[in-house]
PDB file of N, CA and C in Angstrom:
ATOM      1  N   MET A   1     283.642  75.455  34.163  1.00  0.00           N
ATOM      2  CA  MET A   1     282.275  75.867  34.464  1.00  0.00           C
ATOM      3  C   MET A   1     281.393  74.625  34.451  1.00  0.00           C
ATOM      4  N   ASN A   2     280.870  74.265  35.590  1.00  0.00           N
ATOM      5  CA  ASN A   2     279.988  73.102  35.657  1.00  0.00           C
ATOM      6  C   ASN A   2     278.691  73.505  36.312  1.00  0.00           C
ATOM      7  N   ILE A   3     277.681  73.721  35.504  1.00  0.00           N
ATOM      8  CA  ILE A   3     276.383  74.136  36.024  1.00  0.00           C
ATOM      9  C   ILE A   3     275.334  73.047  35.814  1.00  0.00           C
ATOM     10  N   ILE A   4     275.757  71.937  35.241  1.00  0.00           N
ATOM     11  CA  ILE A   4     274.834  70.869  34.896  1.00  0.00           C
ATOM     12  C   ILE A   4     274.459  70.079  36.147  1.00  0.00           C
ATOM     13  N   PRO A   5     273.141  69.957  36.413  1.00  0.00           N
ATOM     14  CA  PRO A   5     272.699  69.203  37.588  1.00  0.00           C
ATOM     15  C   PRO A   5     272.890  67.703  37.402  1.00  0.00           C
ATOM     16  N   GLU A   6     273.051  67.010  38.512  1.00  0.00           N
ATOM     17  CA  GLU A   6     273.140  65.545  38.485  1.00  0.00           C
ATOM     18  C   GLU A   6     272.015  65.014  39.365  1.00  0.00           C
ATOM     19  N   PRO A   7     271.332  63.984  38.979  1.00  0.00           N
ATOM     20  CA  PRO A   7     271.433  63.307  37.693  1.00  0.00           C
ATOM     21  C   PRO A   7     270.830  64.167  36.584  1.00  0.00           C
ATOM     22  N   LEU A   8     271.234  63.886  35.358  1.00  0.00           N
ATOM     23  CA  LEU A   8     270.750  64.645  34.217  1.00  0.00           C
ATOM     24  C   LEU A   8     269.284  64.339  33.953  1.00  0.00           C
ATOM     25  N   GLU A   9     268.498  65.402  33.920  1.00  0.00           N
ATOM     26  CA  GLU A   9     267.088  65.282  33.554  1.00  0.00           C
ATOM     27  C   GLU A   9     266.786  66.375  32.554  1.00  0.00           C
ATOM     28  N   PHE A  10     265.931  66.070  31.587  1.00  0.00           N
ATOM     29  CA  PHE A  10     265.603  67.024  30.549  1.00  0.00           C
ATOM     30  C   PHE A  10     264.123  67.348  30.576  1.00  0.00           C
ATOM     31  N   GLN A  11     263.811  68.574  30.213  1.00  0.00           N
ATOM     32  CA  GLN A  11     262.418  69.022  30.161  1.00  0.00           C
ATOM     33  C   GLN A  11     262.048  69.263  28.701  1.00  0.00           C
ATOM     34  N   TRP A  12     261.068  68.524  28.223  1.00  0.00           N
ATOM     35  CA  TRP A  12     260.551  68.703  26.878  1.00  0.00           C
ATOM     36  C   TRP A  12     259.065  69.006  27.001  1.00  0.00           C
ATOM     37  N   ASP A  13     258.637  70.090  26.393  1.00  0.00           N
ATOM     38  CA  ASP A  13     257.228  70.449  26.411  1.00  0.00           C
ATOM     39  C   ASP A  13     256.831  70.929  25.017  1.00  0.00           C
ATOM     40  N   LYS A  14     255.620  71.379  24.872  1.00  0.00           N
ATOM     41  CA  LYS A  14     255.143  71.768  23.532  1.00  0.00           C
ATOM     42  C   LYS A  14     255.941  72.935  22.944  1.00  0.00           C
ATOM     43  N   GLY A  15     256.634  73.679  23.788  1.00  0.00           N
ATOM     44  CA  GLY A  15     257.427  74.799  23.300  1.00  0.00           C
ATOM     45  C   GLY A  15     258.762  74.404  22.687  1.00  0.00           C
ATOM     46  N   ASN A  16     259.283  73.219  23.043  1.00  0.00           N
ATOM     47  CA  ASN A  16     260.600  72.852  22.520  1.00  0.00           C
ATOM     48  C   ASN A  16     260.686  71.434  21.954  1.00  0.00           C
ATOM     49  N   ILE A  17     259.650  70.646  22.112  1.00  0.00           N
ATOM     50  CA  ILE A  17     259.736  69.266  21.619  1.00  0.00           C
ATOM     51  C   ILE A  17     259.772  69.257  20.084  1.00  0.00           C
ATOM     52  N   ASP A  18     260.721  68.568  19.547  1.00  0.00           N
ATOM     53  CA  ASP A  18     260.907  68.404  18.095  1.00  0.00           C
ATOM     54  C   ASP A  18     261.200  69.705  17.344  1.00  0.00           C
ATOM     55  N   LYS A  19     261.456  70.783  18.051  1.00  0.00           N
ATOM     56  CA  LYS A  19     261.774  72.061  17.407  1.00  0.00           C
ATOM     57  C   LYS A  19     263.071  71.958  16.593  1.00  0.00           C
ATOM     58  N   SER A  20     264.106  71.366  17.171  1.00  0.00           N
ATOM     59  CA  SER A  20     265.391  71.233  16.474  1.00  0.00           C
ATOM     60  C   SER A  20     265.326  70.196  15.364  1.00  0.00           C
ATOM     61  N   LEU A  21     264.446  69.212  15.497  1.00  0.00           N
ATOM     62  CA  LEU A  21     264.260  68.225  14.447  1.00  0.00           C
ATOM     63  C   LEU A  21     263.678  68.900  13.208  1.00  0.00           C
ATOM     64  N   LYS A  22     262.667  69.703  13.414  1.00  0.00           N
ATOM     65  CA  LYS A  22     262.020  70.397  12.291  1.00  0.00           C
ATOM     66  C   LYS A  22     262.949  71.409  11.640  1.00  0.00           C
ATOM     67  N   LYS A  23     263.711  72.124  12.448  1.00  0.00           N
ATOM     68  CA  LYS A  23     264.560  73.204  11.935  1.00  0.00           C
ATOM     69  C   LYS A  23     265.925  72.733  11.441  1.00  0.00           C
ATOM     70  N   HIS A  24     266.535  71.772  12.158  1.00  0.00           N
ATOM     71  CA  HIS A  24     267.923  71.400  11.883  1.00  0.00           C
ATOM     72  C   HIS A  24     268.156  69.894  11.705  1.00  0.00           C
ATOM     73  N   GLY A  25     267.100  69.085  11.803  1.00  0.00           N
ATOM     74  CA  GLY A  25     267.253  67.640  11.644  1.00  0.00           C
ATOM     75  C   GLY A  25     267.888  66.937  12.833  1.00  0.00           C
ATOM     76  N   ILE A  26     267.853  67.578  14.013  1.00  0.00           N
ATOM     77  CA  ILE A  26     268.453  67.008  15.228  1.00  0.00           C
ATOM     78  C   ILE A  26     267.332  66.526  16.157  1.00  0.00           C
ATOM     79  N   GLU A  27     267.324  65.218  16.436  1.00  0.00           N
ATOM     80  CA  GLU A  27     266.308  64.655  17.324  1.00  0.00           C
ATOM     81  C   GLU A  27     266.613  64.990  18.780  1.00  0.00           C
ATOM     82  N   ASN A  28     265.601  64.975  19.612  1.00  0.00           N
ATOM     83  CA  ASN A  28     265.745  65.321  21.033  1.00  0.00           C
ATOM     84  C   ASN A  28     266.801  64.457  21.722  1.00  0.00           C
ATOM     85  N   GLU A  29     266.769  63.147  21.491  1.00  0.00           N
ATOM     86  CA  GLU A  29     267.708  62.236  22.145  1.00  0.00           C
ATOM     87  C   GLU A  29     269.146  62.534  21.719  1.00  0.00           C
ATOM     88  N   GLU A  30     269.327  62.929  20.462  1.00  0.00           N
ATOM     89  CA  GLU A  30     270.672  63.254  20.004  1.00  0.00           C
ATOM     90  C   GLU A  30     271.175  64.524  20.678  1.00  0.00           C
ATOM     91  N   ALA A  31     270.312  65.526  20.829  1.00  0.00           N
ATOM     92  CA  ALA A  31     270.690  66.757  21.528  1.00  0.00           C
ATOM     93  C   ALA A  31     271.068  66.442  22.978  1.00  0.00           C
ATOM     94  N   GLU A  32     270.312  65.576  23.634  1.00  0.00           N
ATOM     95  CA  GLU A  32     270.606  65.190  25.016  1.00  0.00           C
ATOM     96  C   GLU A  32     271.965  64.505  25.132  1.00  0.00           C
ATOM     97  N   SER A  33     272.326  63.703  24.141  1.00  0.00           N
ATOM     98  CA  SER A  33     273.560  62.915  24.227  1.00  0.00           C
ATOM     99  C   SER A  33     274.818  63.773  24.280  1.00  0.00           C
ATOM    100  N   VAL A  34     274.751  65.005  23.808  1.00  0.00           N
ATOM    101  CA  VAL A  34     275.897  65.920  23.838  1.00  0.00           C
ATOM    102  C   VAL A  34     276.351  66.174  25.278  1.00  0.00           C
ATOM    103  N   PHE A  35     275.430  66.136  26.216  1.00  0.00           N
ATOM    104  CA  PHE A  35     275.751  66.414  27.620  1.00  0.00           C
ATOM    105  C   PHE A  35     276.610  65.315  28.248  1.00  0.00           C
ATOM    106  N   PHE A  36     276.775  64.193  27.560  1.00  0.00           N
ATOM    107  CA  PHE A  36     277.598  63.089  28.061  1.00  0.00           C
ATOM    108  C   PHE A  36     278.984  63.071  27.418  1.00  0.00           C
ATOM    109  N   ASP A  37     279.283  64.022  26.550  1.00  0.00           N
ATOM    110  CA  ASP A  37     280.596  64.117  25.909  1.00  0.00           C
ATOM    111  C   ASP A  37     281.584  64.701  26.915  1.00  0.00           C
ATOM    112  N   GLU A  38     282.584  63.934  27.270  1.00  0.00           N
ATOM    113  CA  GLU A  38     283.583  64.383  28.253  1.00  0.00           C
ATOM    114  C   GLU A  38     284.412  65.563  27.758  1.00  0.00           C
ATOM    115  N   ASN A  39     284.450  65.779  26.462  1.00  0.00           N
ATOM    116  CA  ASN A  39     285.215  66.894  25.895  1.00  0.00           C
ATOM    117  C   ASN A  39     284.343  68.111  25.584  1.00  0.00           C
ATOM    118  N   SER A  40     283.113  68.102  26.033  1.00  0.00           N
ATOM    119  CA  SER A  40     282.201  69.199  25.706  1.00  0.00           C
ATOM    120  C   SER A  40     282.720  70.534  26.246  1.00  0.00           C
ATOM    121  N   VAL A  41     282.290  71.602  25.600  1.00  0.00           N
ATOM    122  CA  VAL A  41     282.703  72.962  25.960  1.00  0.00           C
ATOM    123  C   VAL A  41     281.444  73.737  26.351  1.00  0.00           C
ATOM    124  N   PHE A  42     281.410  74.231  27.589  1.00  0.00           N
ATOM    125  CA  PHE A  42     280.282  75.010  28.095  1.00  0.00           C
ATOM    126  C   PHE A  42     280.621  76.494  28.089  1.00  0.00           C
ATOM    127  N   SER A  43     279.600  77.305  27.866  1.00  0.00           N
ATOM    128  CA  SER A  43     279.752  78.745  28.068  1.00  0.00           C
ATOM    129  C   SER A  43     278.375  79.350  28.304  1.00  0.00           C
ATOM    130  N   GLU A  44     278.371  80.514  28.928  1.00  0.00           N
ATOM    131  CA  GLU A  44     277.121  81.228  29.118  1.00  0.00           C
ATOM    132  C   GLU A  44     276.798  81.964  27.826  1.00  0.00           C
ATOM    133  N   ASP A  45     275.533  81.940  27.432  1.00  0.00           N
ATOM    134  CA  ASP A  45     275.080  82.628  26.224  1.00  0.00           C
ATOM    135  C   ASP A  45     274.556  84.000  26.648  1.00  0.00           C
ATOM    136  N   ILE A  46     275.483  84.895  26.925  1.00  0.00           N
ATOM    137  CA  ILE A  46     275.142  86.215  27.457  1.00  0.00           C
ATOM    138  C   ILE A  46     274.268  87.011  26.492  1.00  0.00           C
ATOM    139  N   LYS A  47     274.567  86.907  25.217  1.00  0.00           N
ATOM    140  CA  LYS A  47     273.845  87.665  24.196  1.00  0.00           C
ATOM    141  C   LYS A  47     272.343  87.370  24.201  1.00  0.00           C
ATOM    142  N   HIS A  48     271.969  86.134  24.526  1.00  0.00           N
ATOM    143  CA  HIS A  48     270.562  85.739  24.478  1.00  0.00           C
ATOM    144  C   HIS A  48     269.949  85.498  25.860  1.00  0.00           C
ATOM    145  N   SER A  49     270.637  85.913  26.912  1.00  0.00           N
ATOM    146  CA  SER A  49     270.139  85.712  28.277  1.00  0.00           C
ATOM    147  C   SER A  49     269.354  86.940  28.732  1.00  0.00           C
ATOM    148  N   ARG A  50     268.235  87.162  28.141  1.00  0.00           N
ATOM    149  CA  ARG A  50     267.438  88.353  28.497  1.00  0.00           C
ATOM    150  C   ARG A  50     266.524  88.090  29.683  1.00  0.00           C
ATOM    151  N   THR A  51     265.630  87.111  29.545  1.00  0.00           N
ATOM    152  CA  THR A  51     264.681  86.854  30.621  1.00  0.00           C
ATOM    153  C   THR A  51     265.135  85.740  31.559  1.00  0.00           C
ATOM    154  N   GLU A  52     266.043  84.897  31.098  1.00  0.00           N
ATOM    155  CA  GLU A  52     266.628  83.847  31.930  1.00  0.00           C
ATOM    156  C   GLU A  52     268.012  83.529  31.384  1.00  0.00           C
ATOM    157  N   LYS A  53     268.870  82.974  32.238  1.00  0.00           N
ATOM    158  CA  LYS A  53     270.226  82.631  31.802  1.00  0.00           C
ATOM    159  C   LYS A  53     270.169  81.489  30.796  1.00  0.00           C
ATOM    160  N   ARG A  54     270.902  81.699  29.719  1.00  0.00           N
ATOM    161  CA  ARG A  54     271.033  80.647  28.712  1.00  0.00           C
ATOM    162  C   ARG A  54     272.484  80.229  28.616  1.00  0.00           C
ATOM    163  N   TYR A  55     272.670  78.972  28.242  1.00  0.00           N
ATOM    164  CA  TYR A  55     273.996  78.405  28.133  1.00  0.00           C
ATOM    165  C   TYR A  55     274.147  77.704  26.786  1.00  0.00           C
ATOM    166  N   GLN A  56     275.389  77.493  26.430  1.00  0.00           N
ATOM    167  CA  GLN A  56     275.724  76.801  25.192  1.00  0.00           C
ATOM    168  C   GLN A  56     276.659  75.640  25.531  1.00  0.00           C
ATOM    169  N   ILE A  57     276.453  74.522  24.891  1.00  0.00           N
ATOM    170  CA  ILE A  57     277.377  73.401  25.002  1.00  0.00           C
ATOM    171  C   ILE A  57     277.728  72.963  23.586  1.00  0.00           C
ATOM    172  N   LEU A  58     279.013  72.802  23.346  1.00  0.00           N
ATOM    173  CA  LEU A  58     279.513  72.247  22.091  1.00  0.00           C
ATOM    174  C   LEU A  58     280.002  70.857  22.417  1.00  0.00           C
ATOM    175  N   GLY A  59     279.500  69.863  21.695  1.00  0.00           N
ATOM    176  CA  GLY A  59     279.928  68.502  21.987  1.00  0.00           C
ATOM    177  C   GLY A  59     279.498  67.528  20.919  1.00  0.00           C
ATOM    178  N   ARG A  60     280.057  66.322  21.012  1.00  0.00           N
ATOM    179  CA  ARG A  60     279.741  65.254  20.066  1.00  0.00           C
ATOM    180  C   ARG A  60     278.526  64.479  20.549  1.00  0.00           C
ATOM    181  N   SER A  61     277.633  64.221  19.611  1.00  0.00           N
ATOM    182  CA  SER A  61     276.430  63.448  19.925  1.00  0.00           C
ATOM    183  C   SER A  61     276.749  61.963  19.876  1.00  0.00           C
ATOM    184  N   GLU A  62     275.768  61.151  20.218  1.00  0.00           N
ATOM    185  CA  GLU A  62     275.938  59.701  20.182  1.00  0.00           C
ATOM    186  C   GLU A  62     276.219  59.197  18.772  1.00  0.00           C
ATOM    187  N   ARG A  63     275.857  59.965  17.760  1.00  0.00           N
ATOM    188  CA  ARG A  63     276.159  59.597  16.366  1.00  0.00           C
ATOM    189  C   ARG A  63     277.436  60.269  15.874  1.00  0.00           C
ATOM    190  N   ASN A  64     278.213  60.834  16.813  1.00  0.00           N
ATOM    191  CA  ASN A  64     279.504  61.462  16.523  1.00  0.00           C
ATOM    192  C   ASN A  64     279.382  62.716  15.662  1.00  0.00           C
ATOM    193  N   ILE A  65     278.263  63.412  15.810  1.00  0.00           N
ATOM    194  CA  ILE A  65     278.065  64.685  15.114  1.00  0.00           C
ATOM    195  C   ILE A  65     278.334  65.799  16.110  1.00  0.00           C
ATOM    196  N   LEU A  66     279.145  66.759  15.710  1.00  0.00           N
ATOM    197  CA  LEU A  66     279.474  67.877  16.587  1.00  0.00           C
ATOM    198  C   LEU A  66     278.318  68.875  16.561  1.00  0.00           C
ATOM    199  N   LEU A  67     277.718  69.108  17.738  1.00  0.00           N
ATOM    200  CA  LEU A  67     276.528  69.949  17.846  1.00  0.00           C
ATOM    201  C   LEU A  67     276.740  71.135  18.774  1.00  0.00           C
ATOM    202  N   ASN A  68     275.961  72.172  18.523  1.00  0.00           N
ATOM    203  CA  ASN A  68     275.842  73.333  19.397  1.00  0.00           C
ATOM    204  C   ASN A  68     274.436  73.262  19.982  1.00  0.00           C
ATOM    205  N   VAL A  69     274.345  73.113  21.298  1.00  0.00           N
ATOM    206  CA  VAL A  69     273.046  73.030  21.967  1.00  0.00           C
ATOM    207  C   VAL A  69     272.909  74.225  22.899  1.00  0.00           C
ATOM    208  N   ILE A  70     271.856  74.988  22.700  1.00  0.00           N
ATOM    209  CA  ILE A  70     271.531  76.117  23.565  1.00  0.00           C
ATOM    210  C   ILE A  70     270.490  75.621  24.559  1.00  0.00           C
ATOM    211  N   PHE A  71     270.699  75.929  25.840  1.00  0.00           N
ATOM    212  CA  PHE A  71     269.780  75.424  26.857  1.00  0.00           C
ATOM    213  C   PHE A  71     269.676  76.391  28.021  1.00  0.00           C
ATOM    214  N   THR A  72     268.695  76.133  28.845  1.00  0.00           N
ATOM    215  CA  THR A  72     268.522  76.860  30.096  1.00  0.00           C
ATOM    216  C   THR A  72     268.243  75.827  31.180  1.00  0.00           C
ATOM    217  N   LEU A  73     268.303  76.255  32.412  1.00  0.00           N
ATOM    218  CA  LEU A  73     267.999  75.366  33.527  1.00  0.00           C
ATOM    219  C   LEU A  73     266.658  75.780  34.113  1.00  0.00           C
ATOM    220  N   ARG A  74     265.788  74.820  34.286  1.00  0.00           N
ATOM    221  CA  ARG A  74     264.497  75.033  34.924  1.00  0.00           C
ATOM    222  C   ARG A  74     264.469  74.152  36.155  1.00  0.00           C
ATOM    223  N   GLY A  75     264.723  74.787  37.287  1.00  0.00           N
ATOM    224  CA  GLY A  75     264.885  74.007  38.510  1.00  0.00           C
ATOM    225  C   GLY A  75     266.138  73.169  38.354  1.00  0.00           C
ATOM    226  N   ASN A  76     265.998  71.855  38.473  1.00  0.00           N
ATOM    227  CA  ASN A  76     267.167  70.984  38.290  1.00  0.00           C
ATOM    228  C   ASN A  76     267.074  70.203  36.982  1.00  0.00           C
ATOM    229  N   LYS A  77     266.331  70.734  36.006  1.00  0.00           N
ATOM    230  CA  LYS A  77     266.196  70.078  34.704  1.00  0.00           C
ATOM    231  C   LYS A  77     266.778  70.963  33.606  1.00  0.00           C
ATOM    232  N   ILE A  78     267.289  70.308  32.591  1.00  0.00           N
ATOM    233  CA  ILE A  78     267.841  70.997  31.434  1.00  0.00           C
ATOM    234  C   ILE A  78     266.734  71.130  30.397  1.00  0.00           C
ATOM    235  N   ARG A  79     266.503  72.360  29.958  1.00  0.00           N
ATOM    236  CA  ARG A  79     265.514  72.603  28.900  1.00  0.00           C
ATOM    237  C   ARG A  79     266.271  73.035  27.653  1.00  0.00           C
ATOM    238  N   VAL A  80     266.306  72.162  26.663  1.00  0.00           N
ATOM    239  CA  VAL A  80     266.990  72.462  25.412  1.00  0.00           C
ATOM    240  C   VAL A  80     266.155  73.462  24.631  1.00  0.00           C
ATOM    241  N   ILE A  81     266.800  74.545  24.208  1.00  0.00           N
ATOM    242  CA  ILE A  81     266.126  75.566  23.414  1.00  0.00           C
ATOM    243  C   ILE A  81     266.323  75.282  21.931  1.00  0.00           C
ATOM    244  N   SER A  82     267.555  74.958  21.550  1.00  0.00           N
ATOM    245  CA  SER A  82     267.822  74.594  20.160  1.00  0.00           C
ATOM    246  C   SER A  82     269.082  73.756  20.067  1.00  0.00           C
ATOM    247  N   ALA A  83     269.169  72.980  18.993  1.00  0.00           N
ATOM    248  CA  ALA A  83     270.346  72.156  18.719  1.00  0.00           C
ATOM    249  C   ALA A  83     270.578  72.169  17.215  1.00  0.00           C
ATOM    250  N   ARG A  84     271.848  72.367  16.838  1.00  0.00           N
ATOM    251  CA  ARG A  84     272.207  72.397  15.422  1.00  0.00           C
ATOM    252  C   ARG A  84     273.652  71.954  15.283  1.00  0.00           C
ATOM    253  N   LYS A  85     274.061  71.667  14.046  1.00  0.00           N
ATOM    254  CA  LYS A  85     275.458  71.354  13.796  1.00  0.00           C
ATOM    255  C   LYS A  85     276.286  72.609  14.022  1.00  0.00           C
ATOM    256  N   VAL A  86     277.522  72.434  14.488  1.00  0.00           N
ATOM    257  CA  VAL A  86     278.398  73.573  14.767  1.00  0.00           C
ATOM    258  C   VAL A  86     278.838  74.245  13.470  1.00  0.00           C
ATOM    259  N   ASN A  87     279.225  75.513  13.576  1.00  0.00           N
ATOM    260  CA  ASN A  87     279.845  76.197  12.448  1.00  0.00           C
ATOM    261  C   ASN A  87     281.365  76.021  12.571  1.00  0.00           C
ATOM    262  N   ASN A  88     282.113  76.555  11.624  1.00  0.00           N
ATOM    263  CA  ASN A  88     283.575  76.365  11.616  1.00  0.00           C
ATOM    264  C   ASN A  88     284.257  76.939  12.853  1.00  0.00           C
ATOM    265  N   LYS A  89     283.811  78.113  13.290  1.00  0.00           N
ATOM    266  CA  LYS A  89     284.406  78.744  14.478  1.00  0.00           C
ATOM    267  C   LYS A  89     284.185  77.879  15.714  1.00  0.00           C
ATOM    268  N   GLU A  90     282.971  77.352  15.863  1.00  0.00           N
ATOM    269  CA  GLU A  90     282.642  76.500  17.007  1.00  0.00           C
ATOM    270  C   GLU A  90     283.417  75.180  16.949  1.00  0.00           C
ATOM    271  N   ARG A  91     283.609  74.648  15.748  1.00  0.00           N
ATOM    272  CA  ARG A  91     284.390  73.418  15.580  1.00  0.00           C
ATOM    273  C   ARG A  91     285.821  73.624  16.065  1.00  0.00           C
ATOM    274  N   ARG A  92     286.423  74.759  15.682  1.00  0.00           N
ATOM    275  CA  ARG A  92     287.797  75.061  16.115  1.00  0.00           C
ATOM    276  C   ARG A  92     287.869  75.200  17.631  1.00  0.00           C
ATOM    277  N   LEU A  93     286.890  75.856  18.239  1.00  0.00           N
ATOM    278  CA  LEU A  93     286.858  76.033  19.690  1.00  0.00           C
ATOM    279  C   LEU A  93     286.789  74.660  20.382  1.00  0.00           C
ATOM    280  N   TYR A  94     285.947  73.787  19.891  1.00  0.00           N
ATOM    281  CA  TYR A  94     285.825  72.448  20.471  1.00  0.00           C
ATOM    282  C   TYR A  94     287.145  71.687  20.329  1.00  0.00           C
ATOM    283  N   GLU A  95     287.721  71.704  19.146  1.00  0.00           N
ATOM    284  CA  GLU A  95     288.966  70.968  18.898  1.00  0.00           C
ATOM    285  C   GLU A  95     290.113  71.523  19.749  1.00  0.00           C
ATOM    286  N   GLN A  96     290.148  72.863  19.944  1.00  0.00           N
ATOM    287  CA  GLN A  96     291.165  73.477  20.805  1.00  0.00           C
ATOM    288  C   GLN A  96     291.065  72.955  22.219  1.00  0.00           C
ATOM    289  N   LYS A  97     289.848  72.926  22.751  1.00  0.00           N
ATOM    290  CA  LYS A  97     289.620  72.475  24.129  1.00  0.00           C
ATOM    291  C   LYS A  97     289.954  70.992  24.251  1.00  0.00           C
ATOM    292  N   LYS A  98     289.571  70.230  23.258  1.00  0.00           N
ATOM    293  CA  LYS A  98     289.813  68.787  23.272  1.00  0.00           C
ATOM    294  C   LYS A  98     291.308  68.488  23.260  1.00  0.00           C
ATOM    295  N   GLY A  99     292.082  69.313  22.545  1.00  0.00           N
ATOM    296  CA  GLY A  99     293.520  69.111  22.443  1.00  0.00           C
ATOM    297  C   GLY A  99     294.287  69.542  23.679  1.00  0.00           C
ATOM    298  N   SER A 100     293.696  70.352  24.541  1.00  0.00           N
ATOM    299  CA  SER A 100     294.431  70.841  25.715  1.00  0.00           C
ATOM    300  C   SER A 100     294.303  69.932  26.906  1.00  0.00           C
TER     301      SER A 100
END
């Protein structure tokens, strides 16, 4: 599943800027870096796709932290909704994909 536009552009506005930093200690640039992980795992976030399609990416950040980033696409830009460290189930899913 490849829905990520090229070149990568991100949309940060007052609704999402520094939201993950305040809640989870993840800076915007670190959340963006997950999109460059060649082993990242994408999926549609069906449960939370009410008014617009949401997606999830599991991947390693530039600081080698495994993150779960929820995002949507606005035109050809990625709008990060939230970023946090993965839980154990998500870690196993990432490691499974990486090993295959």
